[in-house]
Amino acid sequence: MIFRWISAWALLAFSASVWAISPYIQGDAVMGGSTQGAASAVEAKLKSGGFNVVGKYFPKGLSEYGVVIATDDAMLKEVGAAGGNAVLGATIRVGVKADGSVAYTNPDYWYRAYFRKAFDKKEAAVKALQERLQSALGADKGQGGDETARNLTNYRYMIGMERLDSSKSKLAEYGSFAEALKTVRDNLQAS
């Protein structure tokens, strides 16, 4: 009898890990040599896949790493319609390394966290985005840890931090986006 209970718990634990979702997907490698070269190759792949590249950055002190930022018109419509914290899903981040390694944000993971309980209504758009990304960048194994789909509806970066939709996350309120942007820019200029 005890063997059955142990077996049942082991199967339950295993089944939860099977359904786990990774936050990042390893894409196909591009020509290595320099971080800027790898970023340019990823940028070209994204553009040929119909994505809009809106920027890239290379963290100071980490010359081997870079990030290409892109948007997708179809997903921007879904994010805009959802409003609120879903705006965090406006961009797709693609990490590159000087050796040509590529990894990008997994739409299935992140949009579950951004759309929360409305994910079911947006799932078809998320799957379509995921297919376009796989076509443009390739798709190998997931990386970065795993969460179950159920846990992502109450996403929290780590224990002790507020949930994405917590009222404690609100820092300030402005009459318009332009006013908020001006405040941020003024504060950045003032250090």
C-alpha atoms as a PDB file:
ATOM      1  CA  MET A   1       0.000   0.000   0.000  1.00  0.00           C
ATOM      2  CA  ILE A   2       2.750   2.457   0.905  1.00  0.00           C
ATOM      3  CA  PHE A   3       4.471   1.668  -2.394  1.00  0.00           C
ATOM      4  CA  ARG A   4       1.325   2.757  -4.247  1.00  0.00           C
ATOM      5  CA  TRP A   5       1.241   6.077  -2.390  1.00  0.00           C
ATOM      6  CA  ILE A   6       4.902   6.748  -3.104  1.00  0.00           C
ATOM      7  CA  SER A   7       4.384   5.833  -6.753  1.00  0.00           C
ATOM      8  CA  ALA A   8       1.338   8.098  -7.010  1.00  0.00           C
ATOM      9  CA  TRP A   9       3.227  11.058  -5.515  1.00  0.00           C
ATOM     10  CA  ALA A  10       6.210  10.449  -7.796  1.00  0.00           C
ATOM     11  CA  LEU A  11       3.937  10.376 -10.863  1.00  0.00           C
ATOM     12  CA  LEU A  12       2.187  13.533  -9.731  1.00  0.00           C
ATOM     13  CA  ALA A  13       5.500  15.348  -9.239  1.00  0.00           C
ATOM     14  CA  PHE A  14       6.744  14.135 -12.634  1.00  0.00           C
ATOM     15  CA  SER A  15       3.531  15.152 -14.406  1.00  0.00           C
ATOM     16  CA  ALA A  16       3.806  18.699 -13.059  1.00  0.00           C
ATOM     17  CA  SER A  17       7.336  19.004 -14.434  1.00  0.00           C
ATOM     18  CA  VAL A  18       6.206  17.744 -17.851  1.00  0.00           C
ATOM     19  CA  TRP A  19       3.758  20.623 -18.117  1.00  0.00           C
ATOM     20  CA  ALA A  20       6.283  23.213 -16.946  1.00  0.00           C
ATOM     21  CA  ILE A  21       7.083  26.158 -19.214  1.00  0.00           C
ATOM     22  CA  SER A  22      10.518  27.771 -19.566  1.00  0.00           C
ATOM     23  CA  PRO A  23      10.829  31.566 -19.746  1.00  0.00           C
ATOM     24  CA  TYR A  24      13.365  31.525 -22.597  1.00  0.00           C
ATOM     25  CA  ILE A  25      13.859  29.510 -25.768  1.00  0.00           C
ATOM     26  CA  GLN A  26      17.236  28.818 -27.277  1.00  0.00           C
ATOM     27  CA  GLY A  27      17.211  29.845 -30.928  1.00  0.00           C
ATOM     28  CA  ASP A  28      19.469  28.831 -33.797  1.00  0.00           C
ATOM     29  CA  ALA A  29      23.003  30.165 -33.474  1.00  0.00           C
ATOM     30  CA  VAL A  30      24.137  32.950 -35.798  1.00  0.00           C
ATOM     31  CA  MET A  31      27.629  33.808 -37.028  1.00  0.00           C
ATOM     32  CA  GLY A  32      29.742  34.601 -33.976  1.00  0.00           C
ATOM     33  CA  GLY A  33      32.790  36.815 -33.626  1.00  0.00           C
ATOM     34  CA  SER A  34      31.341  39.935 -32.043  1.00  0.00           C
ATOM     35  CA  THR A  35      28.257  40.791 -30.065  1.00  0.00           C
ATOM     36  CA  GLN A  36      27.332  43.565 -32.504  1.00  0.00           C
ATOM     37  CA  GLY A  37      27.676  41.151 -35.434  1.00  0.00           C
ATOM     38  CA  ALA A  38      25.462  38.572 -33.740  1.00  0.00           C
ATOM     39  CA  ALA A  39      22.892  41.274 -32.924  1.00  0.00           C
ATOM     40  CA  SER A  40      22.880  42.455 -36.550  1.00  0.00           C
ATOM     41  CA  ALA A  41      22.321  38.884 -37.773  1.00  0.00           C
ATOM     42  CA  VAL A  42      19.384  38.450 -35.357  1.00  0.00           C
ATOM     43  CA  GLU A  43      18.002  41.838 -36.395  1.00  0.00           C
ATOM     44  CA  ALA A  44      18.033  40.741 -40.061  1.00  0.00           C
ATOM     45  CA  LYS A  45      16.277  37.447 -39.193  1.00  0.00           C
ATOM     46  CA  LEU A  46      13.588  39.265 -37.218  1.00  0.00           C
ATOM     47  CA  LYS A  47      12.971  41.802 -39.977  1.00  0.00           C
ATOM     48  CA  SER A  48      12.699  39.073 -42.610  1.00  0.00           C
ATOM     49  CA  GLY A  49      10.210  37.323 -40.291  1.00  0.00           C
ATOM     50  CA  GLY A  50       7.952  40.391 -40.256  1.00  0.00           C
ATOM     51  CA  PHE A  51       8.965  41.796 -36.872  1.00  0.00           C
ATOM     52  CA  ASN A  52       9.748  45.444 -36.214  1.00  0.00           C
ATOM     53  CA  VAL A  53      13.145  45.922 -34.578  1.00  0.00           C
ATOM     54  CA  VAL A  54      12.863  48.913 -32.260  1.00  0.00           C
ATOM     55  CA  GLY A  55      16.270  48.871 -30.611  1.00  0.00           C
ATOM     56  CA  LYS A  56      19.222  47.004 -29.238  1.00  0.00           C
ATOM     57  CA  TYR A  57      21.543  47.477 -26.316  1.00  0.00           C
ATOM     58  CA  PHE A  58      24.819  46.164 -25.025  1.00  0.00           C
ATOM     59  CA  PRO A  59      25.193  46.260 -21.235  1.00  0.00           C
ATOM     60  CA  LYS A  60      28.202  48.208 -20.033  1.00  0.00           C
ATOM     61  CA  GLY A  61      30.889  45.919 -18.678  1.00  0.00           C
ATOM     62  CA  LEU A  62      29.416  42.823 -20.369  1.00  0.00           C
ATOM     63  CA  SER A  63      30.905  43.051 -23.845  1.00  0.00           C
ATOM     64  CA  GLU A  64      29.983  39.456 -24.692  1.00  0.00           C
ATOM     65  CA  TYR A  65      26.231  40.099 -24.349  1.00  0.00           C
ATOM     66  CA  GLY A  66      23.574  42.102 -26.159  1.00  0.00           C
ATOM     67  CA  VAL A  67      19.809  42.332 -26.521  1.00  0.00           C
ATOM     68  CA  VAL A  68      17.704  43.024 -29.612  1.00  0.00           C
ATOM     69  CA  ILE A  69      14.234  44.439 -28.944  1.00  0.00           C
ATOM     70  CA  ALA A  70      11.407  43.827 -31.424  1.00  0.00           C
ATOM     71  CA  THR A  71       7.653  44.232 -31.652  1.00  0.00           C
ATOM     72  CA  ASP A  72       4.961  42.375 -33.533  1.00  0.00           C
ATOM     73  CA  ASP A  73       1.963  44.294 -34.887  1.00  0.00           C
ATOM     74  CA  ALA A  74      -0.546  41.515 -34.146  1.00  0.00           C
ATOM     75  CA  MET A  75       0.641  41.151 -30.546  1.00  0.00           C
ATOM     76  CA  LEU A  76       0.706  44.928 -30.037  1.00  0.00           C
ATOM     77  CA  LYS A  77      -3.018  44.954 -30.862  1.00  0.00           C
ATOM     78  CA  GLU A  78      -3.674  42.230 -28.271  1.00  0.00           C
ATOM     79  CA  VAL A  79      -1.576  44.005 -25.633  1.00  0.00           C
ATOM     80  CA  GLY A  80      -3.303  47.308 -26.372  1.00  0.00           C
ATOM     81  CA  ALA A  81      -6.737  45.730 -26.121  1.00  0.00           C
ATOM     82  CA  ALA A  82      -5.862  44.133 -22.771  1.00  0.00           C
ATOM     83  CA  GLY A  83      -4.337  47.348 -21.366  1.00  0.00           C
ATOM     84  CA  GLY A  84      -3.010  47.605 -17.830  1.00  0.00           C
ATOM     85  CA  ASN A  85       0.027  45.518 -16.950  1.00  0.00           C
ATOM     86  CA  ALA A  86      -0.187  43.663 -20.261  1.00  0.00           C
ATOM     87  CA  VAL A  87       1.765  46.597 -21.729  1.00  0.00           C
ATOM     88  CA  LEU A  88       4.864  44.783 -20.436  1.00  0.00           C
ATOM     89  CA  GLY A  89       4.316  42.373 -23.321  1.00  0.00           C
ATOM     90  CA  ALA A  90       4.723  45.071 -25.967  1.00  0.00           C
ATOM     91  CA  THR A  91       8.259  43.953 -26.762  1.00  0.00           C
ATOM     92  CA  ILE A  92      10.029  40.720 -27.552  1.00  0.00           C
ATOM     93  CA  ARG A  93      13.562  40.468 -26.170  1.00  0.00           C
ATOM     94  CA  VAL A  94      16.222  38.441 -27.929  1.00  0.00           C
ATOM     95  CA  GLY A  95      19.509  37.861 -26.143  1.00  0.00           C
ATOM     96  CA  VAL A  96      22.705  37.363 -28.146  1.00  0.00           C
ATOM     97  CA  LYS A  97      26.263  36.448 -27.232  1.00  0.00           C
ATOM     98  CA  ALA A  98      29.496  37.131 -29.081  1.00  0.00           C
ATOM     99  CA  ASP A  99      29.811  33.392 -29.803  1.00  0.00           C
ATOM    100  CA  GLY A 100      26.551  33.552 -31.830  1.00  0.00           C
ATOM    101  CA  SER A 101      24.229  32.064 -29.178  1.00  0.00           C
ATOM    102  CA  VAL A 102      20.638  33.283 -29.346  1.00  0.00           C
ATOM    103  CA  ALA A 103      17.815  33.035 -26.788  1.00  0.00           C
ATOM    104  CA  TYR A 104      14.465  34.798 -26.808  1.00  0.00           C
ATOM    105  CA  THR A 105      11.532  35.304 -24.473  1.00  0.00           C
ATOM    106  CA  ASN A 106       9.041  32.441 -24.637  1.00  0.00           C
ATOM    107  CA  PRO A 107       5.634  33.943 -25.490  1.00  0.00           C
ATOM    108  CA  ASP A 108       3.766  31.049 -23.837  1.00  0.00           C
ATOM    109  CA  TYR A 109       5.489  31.824 -20.516  1.00  0.00           C
ATOM    110  CA  TRP A 110       5.524  35.621 -20.468  1.00  0.00           C
ATOM    111  CA  TYR A 111       2.089  36.321 -21.901  1.00  0.00           C
ATOM    112  CA  ARG A 112       0.515  33.993 -19.346  1.00  0.00           C
ATOM    113  CA  ALA A 113       2.093  36.253 -16.719  1.00  0.00           C
ATOM    114  CA  TYR A 114       1.121  39.493 -18.490  1.00  0.00           C
ATOM    115  CA  PHE A 115      -2.451  38.614 -19.525  1.00  0.00           C
ATOM    116  CA  ARG A 116      -3.186  36.699 -16.294  1.00  0.00           C
ATOM    117  CA  LYS A 117      -6.704  35.281 -16.286  1.00  0.00           C
ATOM    118  CA  ALA A 118      -7.402  36.753 -19.756  1.00  0.00           C
ATOM    119  CA  PHE A 119      -4.745  34.494 -21.314  1.00  0.00           C
ATOM    120  CA  ASP A 120      -7.326  32.027 -22.628  1.00  0.00           C
ATOM    121  CA  LYS A 121      -8.832  34.788 -24.791  1.00  0.00           C
ATOM    122  CA  LYS A 122      -5.393  35.716 -26.157  1.00  0.00           C
ATOM    123  CA  GLU A 123      -3.913  32.227 -26.484  1.00  0.00           C
ATOM    124  CA  ALA A 124      -4.402  31.931 -30.254  1.00  0.00           C
ATOM    125  CA  ALA A 125      -2.500  35.199 -30.807  1.00  0.00           C
ATOM    126  CA  VAL A 126       0.267  34.044 -28.456  1.00  0.00           C
ATOM    127  CA  LYS A 127       0.621  30.708 -30.273  1.00  0.00           C
ATOM    128  CA  ALA A 128       0.751  32.517 -33.633  1.00  0.00           C
ATOM    129  CA  LEU A 129       3.504  34.808 -32.309  1.00  0.00           C
ATOM    130  CA  GLN A 130       5.416  31.804 -30.996  1.00  0.00           C
ATOM    131  CA  GLU A 131       5.237  30.129 -34.416  1.00  0.00           C
ATOM    132  CA  ARG A 132       6.500  33.290 -36.162  1.00  0.00           C
ATOM    133  CA  LEU A 133       9.391  33.564 -33.703  1.00  0.00           C
ATOM    134  CA  GLN A 134      10.281  29.897 -34.184  1.00  0.00           C
ATOM    135  CA  SER A 135      10.230  30.389 -37.934  1.00  0.00           C
ATOM    136  CA  ALA A 136      12.479  33.459 -37.738  1.00  0.00           C
ATOM    137  CA  LEU A 137      14.896  32.394 -34.974  1.00  0.00           C
ATOM    138  CA  GLY A 138      14.522  28.630 -34.626  1.00  0.00           C
ATOM    139  CA  ALA A 139      13.518  26.809 -31.470  1.00  0.00           C
ATOM    140  CA  ASP A 140      15.606  24.417 -29.453  1.00  0.00           C
ATOM    141  CA  LYS A 141      15.240  23.664 -25.757  1.00  0.00           C
ATOM    142  CA  GLY A 142      13.747  25.921 -23.139  1.00  0.00           C
ATOM    143  CA  GLN A 143      16.011  27.522 -20.571  1.00  0.00           C
ATOM    144  CA  GLY A 144      15.916  29.625 -17.447  1.00  0.00           C
ATOM    145  CA  GLY A 145      13.876  27.435 -15.095  1.00  0.00           C
ATOM    146  CA  ASP A 146      10.316  26.254 -15.339  1.00  0.00           C
ATOM    147  CA  GLU A 147       6.900  27.196 -14.016  1.00  0.00           C
ATOM    148  CA  THR A 148       3.547  25.583 -14.488  1.00  0.00           C
ATOM    149  CA  ALA A 149       0.931  27.426 -16.517  1.00  0.00           C
ATOM    150  CA  ARG A 150      -1.212  27.658 -13.383  1.00  0.00           C
ATOM    151  CA  ASN A 151       1.536  29.431 -11.407  1.00  0.00           C
ATOM    152  CA  LEU A 152       2.071  31.999 -14.143  1.00  0.00           C
ATOM    153  CA  THR A 153      -1.413  33.463 -13.742  1.00  0.00           C
ATOM    154  CA  ASN A 154      -0.230  34.693 -10.334  1.00  0.00           C
ATOM    155  CA  TYR A 155       3.284  35.508 -11.527  1.00  0.00           C
ATOM    156  CA  ARG A 156       5.706  36.971  -9.063  1.00  0.00           C
ATOM    157  CA  TYR A 157       9.410  37.304  -9.865  1.00  0.00           C
ATOM    158  CA  MET A 158      10.426  35.932  -6.499  1.00  0.00           C
ATOM    159  CA  ILE A 159       9.021  35.286  -3.041  1.00  0.00           C
ATOM    160  CA  GLY A 160       8.529  38.517  -1.122  1.00  0.00           C
ATOM    161  CA  MET A 161       7.942  40.648  -4.197  1.00  0.00           C
ATOM    162  CA  GLU A 162       4.553  41.993  -5.207  1.00  0.00           C
ATOM    163  CA  ARG A 163       2.561  40.273  -7.880  1.00  0.00           C
ATOM    164  CA  LEU A 164       2.524  41.932 -11.261  1.00  0.00           C
ATOM    165  CA  ASP A 165      -0.951  43.346 -10.740  1.00  0.00           C
ATOM    166  CA  SER A 166      -0.465  44.432  -7.110  1.00  0.00           C
ATOM    167  CA  SER A 167      -1.663  47.914  -6.152  1.00  0.00           C
ATOM    168  CA  LYS A 168       1.719  48.354  -4.419  1.00  0.00           C
ATOM    169  CA  SER A 169       3.357  48.434  -7.868  1.00  0.00           C
ATOM    170  CA  LYS A 170       1.833  51.825  -8.647  1.00  0.00           C
ATOM    171  CA  LEU A 171       4.486  54.502  -8.129  1.00  0.00           C
ATOM    172  CA  ALA A 172       2.705  57.568  -9.473  1.00  0.00           C
ATOM    173  CA  GLU A 173      -0.173  58.634 -11.694  1.00  0.00           C
ATOM    174  CA  TYR A 174      -0.123  61.242 -14.446  1.00  0.00           C
ATOM    175  CA  GLY A 175      -2.730  62.903 -16.602  1.00  0.00           C
ATOM    176  CA  SER A 176      -1.104  61.726 -19.829  1.00  0.00           C
ATOM    177  CA  PHE A 177       1.669  59.570 -21.180  1.00  0.00           C
ATOM    178  CA  ALA A 178       3.523  62.686 -22.355  1.00  0.00           C
ATOM    179  CA  GLU A 179       3.465  64.107 -18.822  1.00  0.00           C
ATOM    180  CA  ALA A 180       4.782  60.860 -17.347  1.00  0.00           C
ATOM    181  CA  LEU A 181       7.503  60.614 -19.996  1.00  0.00           C
ATOM    182  CA  LYS A 182       8.607  64.210 -19.343  1.00  0.00           C
ATOM    183  CA  THR A 183       8.835  63.491 -15.595  1.00  0.00           C
ATOM    184  CA  VAL A 184      10.961  60.394 -16.166  1.00  0.00           C
ATOM    185  CA  ARG A 185      13.279  62.238 -18.590  1.00  0.00           C
ATOM    186  CA  ASP A 186      13.627  65.221 -16.245  1.00  0.00           C
ATOM    187  CA  ASN A 187      14.472  62.925 -13.334  1.00  0.00           C
ATOM    188  CA  LEU A 188      17.018  60.983 -15.401  1.00  0.00           C
ATOM    189  CA  GLN A 189      18.679  64.246 -16.422  1.00  0.00           C
ATOM    190  CA  ALA A 190      18.827  65.328 -12.775  1.00  0.00           C
ATOM    191  CA  SER A 191      20.436  61.964 -11.894  1.00  0.00           C
END
